[in-house]
Full PDB file with SEQRES, HELIX, SHEET, SSBOND, CRYST1, ORIGX, SCALE, CONECT and MASTER records, all heavy atoms in Angstrom:
SEQRES   1 A   41  GLY ARG ILE THR THR GLY VAL PHE ARG LEU PHE LEU LEU          
SEQRES   2 A   41  GLY LEU ALA ILE PRO ALA GLN ALA VAL ILE VAL PRO MET          
SEQRES   3 A   41  PHE TYR VAL ILE SER LYS ALA GLY LEU TYR ASP ASN LEU          
SEQRES   4 A   41  ILE GLY                                                      
HELIX    1 AA1 ARG A    2  GLY A   14  1                                  13    
HELIX    2 AA2 ALA A   19  ALA A   21  5                                   3    
HELIX    3 AA3 ILE A   23  LYS A   32  1                                  10    
CRYST1    1.000    1.000    1.000  90.00  90.00  90.00 P 1           1          
ORIGX1      1.000000  0.000000  0.000000        0.00000                         
ORIGX2      0.000000  1.000000  0.000000        0.00000                         
ORIGX3      0.000000  0.000000  1.000000        0.00000                         
SCALE1      1.000000  0.000000  0.000000        0.00000                         
SCALE2      0.000000  1.000000  0.000000        0.00000                         
SCALE3      0.000000  0.000000  1.000000        0.00000                         
ATOM      1  N   GLY A   1      12.474  -9.736  18.583  1.00  0.00           N  
ATOM      2  CA  GLY A   1      12.861 -10.540  17.446  1.00  0.00           C  
ATOM      3  C   GLY A   1      13.137  -9.724  16.210  1.00  0.00           C  
ATOM      4  O   GLY A   1      12.680  -8.582  16.066  1.00  0.00           O  
ATOM      5  N   ARG A   2      13.896 -10.312  15.292  1.00  0.00           N  
ATOM      6  CA  ARG A   2      14.247  -9.599  14.076  1.00  0.00           C  
ATOM      7  C   ARG A   2      13.044  -9.395  13.174  1.00  0.00           C  
ATOM      8  O   ARG A   2      12.944  -8.361  12.503  1.00  0.00           O  
ATOM      9  CB  ARG A   2      15.334 -10.399  13.327  1.00  0.00           C  
ATOM     10  CG  ARG A   2      16.692 -10.462  14.017  1.00  0.00           C  
ATOM     11  CD  ARG A   2      17.706 -11.186  13.160  1.00  0.00           C  
ATOM     12  NE  ARG A   2      19.036 -11.197  13.807  1.00  0.00           N  
ATOM     13  CZ  ARG A   2      20.102 -11.756  13.281  1.00  0.00           C  
ATOM     14  NH1 ARG A   2      19.997 -12.368  12.081  1.00  0.00           N  
ATOM     15  NH2 ARG A   2      21.264 -11.738  13.913  1.00  0.00           N  
ATOM     16  N   ILE A   3      12.144 -10.374  13.158  1.00  0.00           N  
ATOM     17  CA  ILE A   3      10.970 -10.244  12.276  1.00  0.00           C  
ATOM     18  C   ILE A   3      10.102  -9.066  12.718  1.00  0.00           C  
ATOM     19  O   ILE A   3       9.671  -8.253  11.909  1.00  0.00           O  
ATOM     20  CB  ILE A   3      10.158 -11.542  12.297  1.00  0.00           C  
ATOM     21  CG1 ILE A   3      10.986 -12.697  11.696  1.00  0.00           C  
ATOM     22  CG2 ILE A   3       8.859 -11.381  11.509  1.00  0.00           C  
ATOM     23  CD1 ILE A   3      10.300 -14.039  11.688  1.00  0.00           C  
ATOM     24  N   THR A   4       9.886  -8.991  14.025  1.00  0.00           N  
ATOM     25  CA  THR A   4       9.064  -7.892  14.554  1.00  0.00           C  
ATOM     26  C   THR A   4       9.721  -6.545  14.296  1.00  0.00           C  
ATOM     27  O   THR A   4       9.051  -5.572  13.895  1.00  0.00           O  
ATOM     28  CB  THR A   4       8.821  -8.069  16.061  1.00  0.00           C  
ATOM     29  OG1 THR A   4       8.278  -9.363  16.306  1.00  0.00           O  
ATOM     30  CG2 THR A   4       7.879  -7.025  16.597  1.00  0.00           C  
ATOM     31  N   THR A   5      11.034  -6.457  14.512  1.00  0.00           N  
ATOM     32  CA  THR A   5      11.757  -5.227  14.249  1.00  0.00           C  
ATOM     33  C   THR A   5      11.705  -4.861  12.762  1.00  0.00           C  
ATOM     34  O   THR A   5      11.541  -3.680  12.412  1.00  0.00           O  
ATOM     35  CB  THR A   5      13.227  -5.362  14.688  1.00  0.00           C  
ATOM     36  OG1 THR A   5      13.270  -5.716  16.079  1.00  0.00           O  
ATOM     37  CG2 THR A   5      13.981  -4.064  14.485  1.00  0.00           C  
ATOM     38  N   GLY A   6      11.819  -5.880  11.892  1.00  0.00           N  
ATOM     39  CA  GLY A   6      11.745  -5.614  10.458  1.00  0.00           C  
ATOM     40  C   GLY A   6      10.361  -5.120  10.036  1.00  0.00           C  
ATOM     41  O   GLY A   6      10.243  -4.229   9.188  1.00  0.00           O  
ATOM     42  N   VAL A   7       9.304  -5.700  10.614  1.00  0.00           N  
ATOM     43  CA  VAL A   7       7.949  -5.236  10.307  1.00  0.00           C  
ATOM     44  C   VAL A   7       7.743  -3.798  10.738  1.00  0.00           C  
ATOM     45  O   VAL A   7       7.168  -3.001  10.018  1.00  0.00           O  
ATOM     46  CB  VAL A   7       6.922  -6.160  10.997  1.00  0.00           C  
ATOM     47  CG1 VAL A   7       5.511  -5.561  10.888  1.00  0.00           C  
ATOM     48  CG2 VAL A   7       6.951  -7.556  10.396  1.00  0.00           C  
ATOM     49  N   PHE A   8       8.284  -3.436  11.917  1.00  0.00           N  
ATOM     50  CA  PHE A   8       8.156  -2.076  12.401  1.00  0.00           C  
ATOM     51  C   PHE A   8       8.905  -1.105  11.489  1.00  0.00           C  
ATOM     52  O   PHE A   8       8.405   0.009  11.184  1.00  0.00           O  
ATOM     53  CB  PHE A   8       8.667  -1.980  13.829  1.00  0.00           C  
ATOM     54  CG  PHE A   8       8.464  -0.629  14.467  1.00  0.00           C  
ATOM     55  CD1 PHE A   8       7.224  -0.029  14.437  1.00  0.00           C  
ATOM     56  CD2 PHE A   8       9.521   0.031  15.079  1.00  0.00           C  
ATOM     57  CE1 PHE A   8       7.020   1.219  15.016  1.00  0.00           C  
ATOM     58  CE2 PHE A   8       9.325   1.264  15.664  1.00  0.00           C  
ATOM     59  CZ  PHE A   8       8.086   1.866  15.636  1.00  0.00           C  
ATOM     60  N   ARG A   9      10.093  -1.484  11.049  1.00  0.00           N  
ATOM     61  CA  ARG A   9      10.858  -0.620  10.126  1.00  0.00           C  
ATOM     62  C   ARG A   9      10.126  -0.480   8.805  1.00  0.00           C  
ATOM     63  O   ARG A   9      10.167   0.591   8.171  1.00  0.00           O  
ATOM     64  CB  ARG A   9      12.243  -1.207   9.920  1.00  0.00           C  
ATOM     65  CG  ARG A   9      13.144  -1.100  11.156  1.00  0.00           C  
ATOM     66  CD  ARG A   9      14.491  -1.744  10.909  1.00  0.00           C  
ATOM     67  NE  ARG A   9      15.360  -1.590  12.087  1.00  0.00           N  
ATOM     68  CZ  ARG A   9      16.560  -2.136  12.183  1.00  0.00           C  
ATOM     69  NH1 ARG A   9      17.041  -2.867  11.164  1.00  0.00           N  
ATOM     70  NH2 ARG A   9      17.282  -1.965  13.263  1.00  0.00           N  
ATOM     71  N   LEU A  10       9.469  -1.548   8.375  1.00  0.00           N  
ATOM     72  CA  LEU A  10       8.688  -1.475   7.136  1.00  0.00           C  
ATOM     73  C   LEU A  10       7.528  -0.504   7.288  1.00  0.00           C  
ATOM     74  O   LEU A  10       7.225   0.271   6.361  1.00  0.00           O  
ATOM     75  CB  LEU A  10       8.160  -2.867   6.778  1.00  0.00           C  
ATOM     76  CG  LEU A  10       7.382  -3.001   5.466  1.00  0.00           C  
ATOM     77  CD1 LEU A  10       8.275  -2.642   4.282  1.00  0.00           C  
ATOM     78  CD2 LEU A  10       6.826  -4.393   5.318  1.00  0.00           C  
ATOM     79  N   PHE A  11       6.910  -0.496   8.454  1.00  0.00           N  
ATOM     80  CA  PHE A  11       5.822   0.460   8.696  1.00  0.00           C  
ATOM     81  C   PHE A  11       6.360   1.879   8.731  1.00  0.00           C  
ATOM     82  O   PHE A  11       5.716   2.798   8.202  1.00  0.00           O  
ATOM     83  CB  PHE A  11       5.151   0.135  10.044  1.00  0.00           C  
ATOM     84  CG  PHE A  11       3.952  -0.758   9.906  1.00  0.00           C  
ATOM     85  CD1 PHE A  11       4.101  -2.122   9.632  1.00  0.00           C  
ATOM     86  CD2 PHE A  11       2.676  -0.278  10.020  1.00  0.00           C  
ATOM     87  CE1 PHE A  11       3.021  -2.946   9.489  1.00  0.00           C  
ATOM     88  CE2 PHE A  11       1.571  -1.082   9.870  1.00  0.00           C  
ATOM     89  CZ  PHE A  11       1.736  -2.430   9.593  1.00  0.00           C  
ATOM     90  N   LEU A  12       7.525   2.082   9.329  1.00  0.00           N  
ATOM     91  CA  LEU A  12       8.128   3.417   9.334  1.00  0.00           C  
ATOM     92  C   LEU A  12       8.472   3.884   7.922  1.00  0.00           C  
ATOM     93  O   LEU A  12       8.373   5.078   7.628  1.00  0.00           O  
ATOM     94  CB  LEU A  12       9.374   3.426  10.220  1.00  0.00           C  
ATOM     95  CG  LEU A  12       9.160   3.193  11.718  1.00  0.00           C  
ATOM     96  CD1 LEU A  12      10.481   3.246  12.454  1.00  0.00           C  
ATOM     97  CD2 LEU A  12       8.187   4.218  12.288  1.00  0.00           C  
ATOM     98  N   LEU A  13       8.860   2.937   7.064  1.00  0.00           N  
ATOM     99  CA  LEU A  13       9.129   3.286   5.665  1.00  0.00           C  
ATOM    100  C   LEU A  13       7.870   3.810   4.979  1.00  0.00           C  
ATOM    101  O   LEU A  13       7.952   4.679   4.101  1.00  0.00           O  
ATOM    102  CB  LEU A  13       9.683   2.066   4.922  1.00  0.00           C  
ATOM    103  CG  LEU A  13      10.047   2.254   3.431  1.00  0.00           C  
ATOM    104  CD1 LEU A  13      11.153   3.299   3.291  1.00  0.00           C  
ATOM    105  CD2 LEU A  13      10.457   0.925   2.822  1.00  0.00           C  
ATOM    106  N   GLY A  14       6.719   3.289   5.410  1.00  0.00           N  
ATOM    107  CA  GLY A  14       5.470   3.749   4.826  1.00  0.00           C  
ATOM    108  C   GLY A  14       5.170   5.203   5.088  1.00  0.00           C  
ATOM    109  O   GLY A  14       4.403   5.827   4.357  1.00  0.00           O  
ATOM    110  N   LEU A  15       5.786   5.783   6.130  1.00  0.00           N  
ATOM    111  CA  LEU A  15       5.584   7.182   6.424  1.00  0.00           C  
ATOM    112  C   LEU A  15       6.206   8.082   5.348  1.00  0.00           C  
ATOM    113  O   LEU A  15       5.780   9.225   5.179  1.00  0.00           O  
ATOM    114  CB  LEU A  15       6.191   7.550   7.785  1.00  0.00           C  
ATOM    115  CG  LEU A  15       5.559   6.850   9.011  1.00  0.00           C  
ATOM    116  CD1 LEU A  15       6.369   7.183  10.249  1.00  0.00           C  
ATOM    117  CD2 LEU A  15       4.118   7.317   9.189  1.00  0.00           C  
ATOM    118  N   ALA A  16       7.202   7.588   4.656  1.00  0.00           N  
ATOM    119  CA  ALA A  16       7.926   8.403   3.690  1.00  0.00           C  
ATOM    120  C   ALA A  16       7.341   8.281   2.281  1.00  0.00           C  
ATOM    121  O   ALA A  16       7.837   8.939   1.360  1.00  0.00           O  
ATOM    122  CB  ALA A  16       9.399   7.996   3.673  1.00  0.00           C  
ATOM    123  N   ILE A  17       6.330   7.447   2.108  1.00  0.00           N  
ATOM    124  CA  ILE A  17       5.751   7.246   0.771  1.00  0.00           C  
ATOM    125  C   ILE A  17       4.403   7.928   0.686  1.00  0.00           C  
ATOM    126  O   ILE A  17       3.428   7.490   1.326  1.00  0.00           O  
ATOM    127  CB  ILE A  17       5.588   5.725   0.487  1.00  0.00           C  
ATOM    128  CG1 ILE A  17       6.932   5.025   0.596  1.00  0.00           C  
ATOM    129  CG2 ILE A  17       4.995   5.527  -0.900  1.00  0.00           C  
ATOM    130  CD1 ILE A  17       6.844   3.525   0.409  1.00  0.00           C  
ATOM    131  N   PRO A  18       4.278   9.015  -0.073  1.00  0.00           N  
ATOM    132  CA  PRO A  18       2.991   9.692  -0.206  1.00  0.00           C  
ATOM    133  C   PRO A  18       2.043   8.898  -1.117  1.00  0.00           C  
ATOM    134  O   PRO A  18       2.500   8.141  -1.994  1.00  0.00           O  
ATOM    135  CB  PRO A  18       3.357  11.050  -0.820  1.00  0.00           C  
ATOM    136  CG  PRO A  18       4.619  10.764  -1.569  1.00  0.00           C  
ATOM    137  CD  PRO A  18       5.351   9.704  -0.800  1.00  0.00           C  
ATOM    138  N   ALA A  19       0.760   9.071  -0.891  1.00  0.00           N  
ATOM    139  CA  ALA A  19      -0.221   8.344  -1.682  1.00  0.00           C  
ATOM    140  C   ALA A  19      -0.145   8.745  -3.156  1.00  0.00           C  
ATOM    141  O   ALA A  19      -0.391   7.901  -4.041  1.00  0.00           O  
ATOM    142  CB  ALA A  19      -1.617   8.634  -1.157  1.00  0.00           C  
ATOM    143  N   GLN A  20       0.232   9.980  -3.436  1.00  0.00           N  
ATOM    144  CA  GLN A  20       0.318  10.426  -4.831  1.00  0.00           C  
ATOM    145  C   GLN A  20       1.375   9.672  -5.633  1.00  0.00           C  
ATOM    146  O   GLN A  20       1.258   9.514  -6.848  1.00  0.00           O  
ATOM    147  CB  GLN A  20       0.633  11.942  -4.889  1.00  0.00           C  
ATOM    148  CG  GLN A  20      -0.457  12.842  -4.360  1.00  0.00           C  
ATOM    149  CD  GLN A  20      -0.417  12.962  -2.853  1.00  0.00           C  
ATOM    150  OE1 GLN A  20       0.345  12.296  -2.178  1.00  0.00           O  
ATOM    151  NE2 GLN A  20      -1.255  13.854  -2.309  1.00  0.00           N  
ATOM    152  N   ALA A  21       2.391   9.161  -4.922  1.00  0.00           N  
ATOM    153  CA  ALA A  21       3.496   8.471  -5.598  1.00  0.00           C  
ATOM    154  C   ALA A  21       3.101   7.065  -6.054  1.00  0.00           C  
ATOM    155  O   ALA A  21       3.725   6.505  -6.943  1.00  0.00           O  
ATOM    156  CB  ALA A  21       4.717   8.418  -4.709  1.00  0.00           C  
ATOM    157  N   VAL A  22       2.058   6.499  -5.430  1.00  0.00           N  
ATOM    158  CA  VAL A  22       1.695   5.099  -5.730  1.00  0.00           C  
ATOM    159  C   VAL A  22       0.276   5.001  -6.265  1.00  0.00           C  
ATOM    160  O   VAL A  22      -0.276   3.884  -6.346  1.00  0.00           O  
ATOM    161  CB  VAL A  22       1.836   4.217  -4.468  1.00  0.00           C  
ATOM    162  CG1 VAL A  22       3.294   4.159  -4.025  1.00  0.00           C  
ATOM    163  CG2 VAL A  22       0.964   4.716  -3.349  1.00  0.00           C  
ATOM    164  N   ILE A  23      -0.328   6.130  -6.620  1.00  0.00           N  
ATOM    165  CA  ILE A  23      -1.735   6.088  -7.048  1.00  0.00           C  
ATOM    166  C   ILE A  23      -1.912   5.297  -8.350  1.00  0.00           C  
ATOM    167  O   ILE A  23      -2.924   4.623  -8.548  1.00  0.00           O  
ATOM    168  CB  ILE A  23      -2.312   7.508  -7.170  1.00  0.00           C  
ATOM    169  CG1 ILE A  23      -3.811   7.466  -7.347  1.00  0.00           C  
ATOM    170  CG2 ILE A  23      -1.623   8.265  -8.272  1.00  0.00           C  
ATOM    171  CD1 ILE A  23      -4.547   6.806  -6.215  1.00  0.00           C  
ATOM    172  N   VAL A  24      -0.922   5.370  -9.272  1.00  0.00           N  
ATOM    173  CA  VAL A  24      -1.051   4.644 -10.540  1.00  0.00           C  
ATOM    174  C   VAL A  24      -0.971   3.123 -10.316  1.00  0.00           C  
ATOM    175  O   VAL A  24      -1.865   2.383 -10.762  1.00  0.00           O  
ATOM    176  CB  VAL A  24       0.023   5.114 -11.539  1.00  0.00           C  
ATOM    177  CG1 VAL A  24      -0.024   4.246 -12.800  1.00  0.00           C  
ATOM    178  CG2 VAL A  24      -0.214   6.574 -11.898  1.00  0.00           C  
ATOM    179  N   PRO A  25       0.062   2.603  -9.645  1.00  0.00           N  
ATOM    180  CA  PRO A  25       0.040   1.154  -9.353  1.00  0.00           C  
ATOM    181  C   PRO A  25      -1.133   0.738  -8.461  1.00  0.00           C  
ATOM    182  O   PRO A  25      -1.651  -0.372  -8.590  1.00  0.00           O  
ATOM    183  CB  PRO A  25       1.383   0.885  -8.654  1.00  0.00           C  
ATOM    184  CG  PRO A  25       1.877   2.216  -8.224  1.00  0.00           C  
ATOM    185  CD  PRO A  25       1.320   3.207  -9.190  1.00  0.00           C  
ATOM    186  N   MET A  26      -1.570   1.654  -7.568  1.00  0.00           N  
ATOM    187  CA  MET A  26      -2.732   1.341  -6.744  1.00  0.00           C  
ATOM    188  C   MET A  26      -3.989   1.177  -7.609  1.00  0.00           C  
ATOM    189  O   MET A  26      -4.792   0.260  -7.393  1.00  0.00           O  
ATOM    190  CB  MET A  26      -2.951   2.463  -5.706  1.00  0.00           C  
ATOM    191  CG  MET A  26      -4.089   2.185  -4.740  1.00  0.00           C  
ATOM    192  SD  MET A  26      -3.744   0.847  -3.601  1.00  0.00           S  
ATOM    193  CE  MET A  26      -2.407   1.604  -2.648  1.00  0.00           C  
ATOM    194  N   PHE A  27      -4.133   2.055  -8.591  1.00  0.00           N  
ATOM    195  CA  PHE A  27      -5.267   1.933  -9.525  1.00  0.00           C  
ATOM    196  C   PHE A  27      -5.197   0.608 -10.284  1.00  0.00           C  
ATOM    197  O   PHE A  27      -6.227  -0.057 -10.468  1.00  0.00           O  
ATOM    198  CB  PHE A  27      -5.232   3.091 -10.505  1.00  0.00           C  
ATOM    199  CG  PHE A  27      -6.232   3.004 -11.620  1.00  0.00           C  
ATOM    200  CD1 PHE A  27      -7.573   3.341 -11.391  1.00  0.00           C  
ATOM    201  CD2 PHE A  27      -5.854   2.564 -12.870  1.00  0.00           C  
ATOM    202  CE1 PHE A  27      -8.488   3.245 -12.418  1.00  0.00           C  
ATOM    203  CE2 PHE A  27      -6.793   2.447 -13.887  1.00  0.00           C  
ATOM    204  CZ  PHE A  27      -8.098   2.781 -13.673  1.00  0.00           C  
ATOM    205  N   TYR A  28      -4.016   0.206 -10.683  1.00  0.00           N  
ATOM    206  CA  TYR A  28      -3.841  -1.066 -11.421  1.00  0.00           C  
ATOM    207  C   TYR A  28      -4.218  -2.266 -10.536  1.00  0.00           C  
ATOM    208  O   TYR A  28      -4.942  -3.165 -10.970  1.00  0.00           O  
ATOM    209  CB  TYR A  28      -2.403  -1.185 -11.910  1.00  0.00           C  
ATOM    210  CG  TYR A  28      -2.120  -2.466 -12.657  1.00  0.00           C  
ATOM    211  CD1 TYR A  28      -2.476  -2.607 -14.003  1.00  0.00           C  
ATOM    212  CD2 TYR A  28      -1.472  -3.532 -12.021  1.00  0.00           C  
ATOM    213  CE1 TYR A  28      -2.223  -3.784 -14.682  1.00  0.00           C  
ATOM    214  CE2 TYR A  28      -1.212  -4.725 -12.706  1.00  0.00           C  
ATOM    215  CZ  TYR A  28      -1.592  -4.836 -14.027  1.00  0.00           C  
ATOM    216  OH  TYR A  28      -1.340  -6.001 -14.702  1.00  0.00           O  
ATOM    217  N   VAL A  29      -3.748  -2.258  -9.303  1.00  0.00           N  
ATOM    218  CA  VAL A  29      -4.011  -3.374  -8.398  1.00  0.00           C  
ATOM    219  C   VAL A  29      -5.498  -3.461  -8.060  1.00  0.00           C  
ATOM    220  O   VAL A  29      -6.098  -4.549  -8.074  1.00  0.00           O  
ATOM    221  CB  VAL A  29      -3.160  -3.230  -7.101  1.00  0.00           C  
ATOM    222  CG1 VAL A  29      -3.604  -4.234  -6.057  1.00  0.00           C  
ATOM    223  CG2 VAL A  29      -1.685  -3.389  -7.420  1.00  0.00           C  
ATOM    224  N   ILE A  30      -6.087  -2.311  -7.771  1.00  0.00           N  
ATOM    225  CA  ILE A  30      -7.525  -2.300  -7.411  1.00  0.00           C  
ATOM    226  C   ILE A  30      -8.378  -2.750  -8.604  1.00  0.00           C  
ATOM    227  O   ILE A  30      -9.342  -3.500  -8.450  1.00  0.00           O  
ATOM    228  CB  ILE A  30      -7.942  -0.887  -6.948  1.00  0.00           C  
ATOM    229  CG1 ILE A  30      -7.283  -0.547  -5.607  1.00  0.00           C  
ATOM    230  CG2 ILE A  30      -9.447  -0.797  -6.829  1.00  0.00           C  
ATOM    231  CD1 ILE A  30      -7.700  -1.450  -4.468  1.00  0.00           C  
ATOM    232  N   SER A  31      -7.986  -2.323  -9.824  1.00  0.00           N  
ATOM    233  CA  SER A  31      -8.738  -2.741 -11.005  1.00  0.00           C  
ATOM    234  C   SER A  31      -8.606  -4.233 -11.262  1.00  0.00           C  
ATOM    235  O   SER A  31      -9.607  -4.906 -11.569  1.00  0.00           O  
ATOM    236  CB  SER A  31      -8.245  -1.957 -12.227  1.00  0.00           C  
ATOM    237  OG  SER A  31      -8.425  -0.558 -12.040  1.00  0.00           O  
ATOM    238  N   LYS A  32      -7.386  -4.784 -11.131  1.00  0.00           N  
ATOM    239  CA  LYS A  32      -7.195  -6.220 -11.351  1.00  0.00           C  
ATOM    240  C   LYS A  32      -7.887  -7.054 -10.291  1.00  0.00           C  
ATOM    241  O   LYS A  32      -8.305  -8.188 -10.560  1.00  0.00           O  
ATOM    242  CB  LYS A  32      -5.697  -6.541 -11.342  1.00  0.00           C  
ATOM    243  CG  LYS A  32      -4.957  -6.041 -12.570  1.00  0.00           C  
ATOM    244  CD  LYS A  32      -5.497  -6.719 -13.845  1.00  0.00           C  
ATOM    245  CE  LYS A  32      -4.732  -6.275 -15.078  1.00  0.00           C  
ATOM    246  NZ  LYS A  32      -5.251  -6.917 -16.324  1.00  0.00           N  
ATOM    247  N   ALA A  33      -8.047  -6.499  -9.085  1.00  0.00           N  
ATOM    248  CA  ALA A  33      -8.729  -7.212  -8.006  1.00  0.00           C  
ATOM    249  C   ALA A  33     -10.251  -7.133  -8.130  1.00  0.00           C  
ATOM    250  O   ALA A  33     -10.959  -7.746  -7.335  1.00  0.00           O  
ATOM    251  CB  ALA A  33      -8.290  -6.668  -6.652  1.00  0.00           C  
ATOM    252  N   GLY A  34     -10.747  -6.384  -9.112  1.00  0.00           N  
ATOM    253  CA  GLY A  34     -12.176  -6.255  -9.304  1.00  0.00           C  
ATOM    254  C   GLY A  34     -12.853  -5.358  -8.288  1.00  0.00           C  
ATOM    255  O   GLY A  34     -14.064  -5.467  -8.061  1.00  0.00           O  
ATOM    256  N   LEU A  35     -12.083  -4.447  -7.691  1.00  0.00           N  
ATOM    257  CA  LEU A  35     -12.628  -3.573  -6.660  1.00  0.00           C  
ATOM    258  C   LEU A  35     -12.777  -2.136  -7.127  1.00  0.00           C  
ATOM    259  O   LEU A  35     -13.080  -1.255  -6.320  1.00  0.00           O  
ATOM    260  CB  LEU A  35     -11.709  -3.588  -5.419  1.00  0.00           C  
ATOM    261  CG  LEU A  35     -11.569  -4.947  -4.730  1.00  0.00           C  
ATOM    262  CD1 LEU A  35     -10.596  -4.858  -3.571  1.00  0.00           C  
ATOM    263  CD2 LEU A  35     -12.930  -5.458  -4.262  1.00  0.00           C  
ATOM    264  N   TYR A  36     -12.583  -1.888  -8.438  1.00  0.00           N  
ATOM    265  CA  TYR A  36     -12.736  -0.537  -8.943  1.00  0.00           C  
ATOM    266  C   TYR A  36     -14.206  -0.119  -8.882  1.00  0.00           C  
ATOM    267  O   TYR A  36     -15.118  -0.914  -9.126  1.00  0.00           O  
ATOM    268  CB  TYR A  36     -12.230  -0.433 -10.382  1.00  0.00           C  
ATOM    269  CG  TYR A  36     -12.410   0.959 -10.992  1.00  0.00           C  
ATOM    270  CD1 TYR A  36     -11.578   1.999 -10.607  1.00  0.00           C  
ATOM    271  CD2 TYR A  36     -13.440   1.215 -11.914  1.00  0.00           C  
ATOM    272  CE1 TYR A  36     -11.738   3.269 -11.153  1.00  0.00           C  
ATOM    273  CE2 TYR A  36     -13.601   2.469 -12.458  1.00  0.00           C  
ATOM    274  CZ  TYR A  36     -12.752   3.505 -12.062  1.00  0.00           C  
ATOM    275  OH  TYR A  36     -12.919   4.761 -12.576  1.00  0.00           O  
ATOM    276  N   ASP A  37     -14.434   1.144  -8.526  1.00  0.00           N  
ATOM    277  CA  ASP A  37     -15.786   1.715  -8.364  1.00  0.00           C  
ATOM    278  C   ASP A  37     -16.562   0.951  -7.290  1.00  0.00           C  
ATOM    279  O   ASP A  37     -17.763   0.711  -7.425  1.00  0.00           O  
ATOM    280  CB  ASP A  37     -16.545   1.679  -9.700  1.00  0.00           C  
ATOM    281  CG  ASP A  37     -17.673   2.680  -9.701  1.00  0.00           C  
ATOM    282  OD1 ASP A  37     -17.663   3.629  -8.895  1.00  0.00           O  
ATOM    283  OD2 ASP A  37     -18.622   2.490 -10.513  1.00  0.00           O  
ATOM    284  N   ASN A  38     -15.855   0.605  -6.235  1.00  0.00           N  
ATOM    285  CA  ASN A  38     -16.444  -0.108  -5.083  1.00  0.00           C  
ATOM    286  C   ASN A  38     -15.921   0.506  -3.812  1.00  0.00           C  
ATOM    287  O   ASN A  38     -14.756   0.938  -3.746  1.00  0.00           O  
ATOM    288  CB  ASN A  38     -16.060  -1.597  -5.174  1.00  0.00           C  
ATOM    289  CG  ASN A  38     -16.864  -2.443  -4.211  1.00  0.00           C  
ATOM    290  OD1 ASN A  38     -16.843  -2.220  -3.012  1.00  0.00           O  
ATOM    291  ND2 ASN A  38     -17.575  -3.428  -4.750  1.00  0.00           N  
ATOM    292  N   LEU A  39     -16.754   0.569  -2.787  1.00  0.00           N  
ATOM    293  CA  LEU A  39     -16.336   1.176  -1.534  1.00  0.00           C  
ATOM    294  C   LEU A  39     -15.164   0.419  -0.902  1.00  0.00           C  
ATOM    295  O   LEU A  39     -14.329   1.023  -0.228  1.00  0.00           O  
ATOM    296  CB  LEU A  39     -17.509   1.261  -0.556  1.00  0.00           C  
ATOM    297  CG  LEU A  39     -18.643   2.209  -0.910  1.00  0.00           C  
ATOM    298  CD1 LEU A  39     -19.706   2.198   0.171  1.00  0.00           C  
ATOM    299  CD2 LEU A  39     -18.114   3.618  -1.135  1.00  0.00           C  
ATOM    300  N   ILE A  40     -15.108  -0.878  -1.126  1.00  0.00           N  
ATOM    301  CA  ILE A  40     -13.984  -1.655  -0.584  1.00  0.00           C  
ATOM    302  C   ILE A  40     -12.670  -1.196  -1.196  1.00  0.00           C  
ATOM    303  O   ILE A  40     -11.617  -1.192  -0.546  1.00  0.00           O  
ATOM    304  CB  ILE A  40     -14.189  -3.147  -0.830  1.00  0.00           C  
ATOM    305  CG1 ILE A  40     -15.470  -3.631  -0.173  1.00  0.00           C  
ATOM    306  CG2 ILE A  40     -13.003  -3.982  -0.335  1.00  0.00           C  
ATOM    307  CD1 ILE A  40     -15.800  -5.098  -0.399  1.00  0.00           C  
ATOM    308  N   GLY A  41     -12.707  -0.787  -2.481  1.00  0.00           N  
ATOM    309  CA  GLY A  41     -11.511  -0.263  -3.112  1.00  0.00           C  
ATOM    310  C   GLY A  41     -11.032   1.054  -2.519  1.00  0.00           C  
ATOM    311  O   GLY A  41      -9.881   1.427  -2.710  1.00  0.00           O  
TER     312      GLY A  41                                                      
MASTER        0    0    0    3    0    0    0    6  311    1    0    4          
END                                                                             
């Protein structure tokens, strides 16, 4: 199906994104979710 193929391509896109490139928005999301300074974060 197209949905499954699209999900797989989305996962492959994740291989090209280093963690350093998204650490700032990641910090913002984790802070807004109340998970900062928590092991779940």
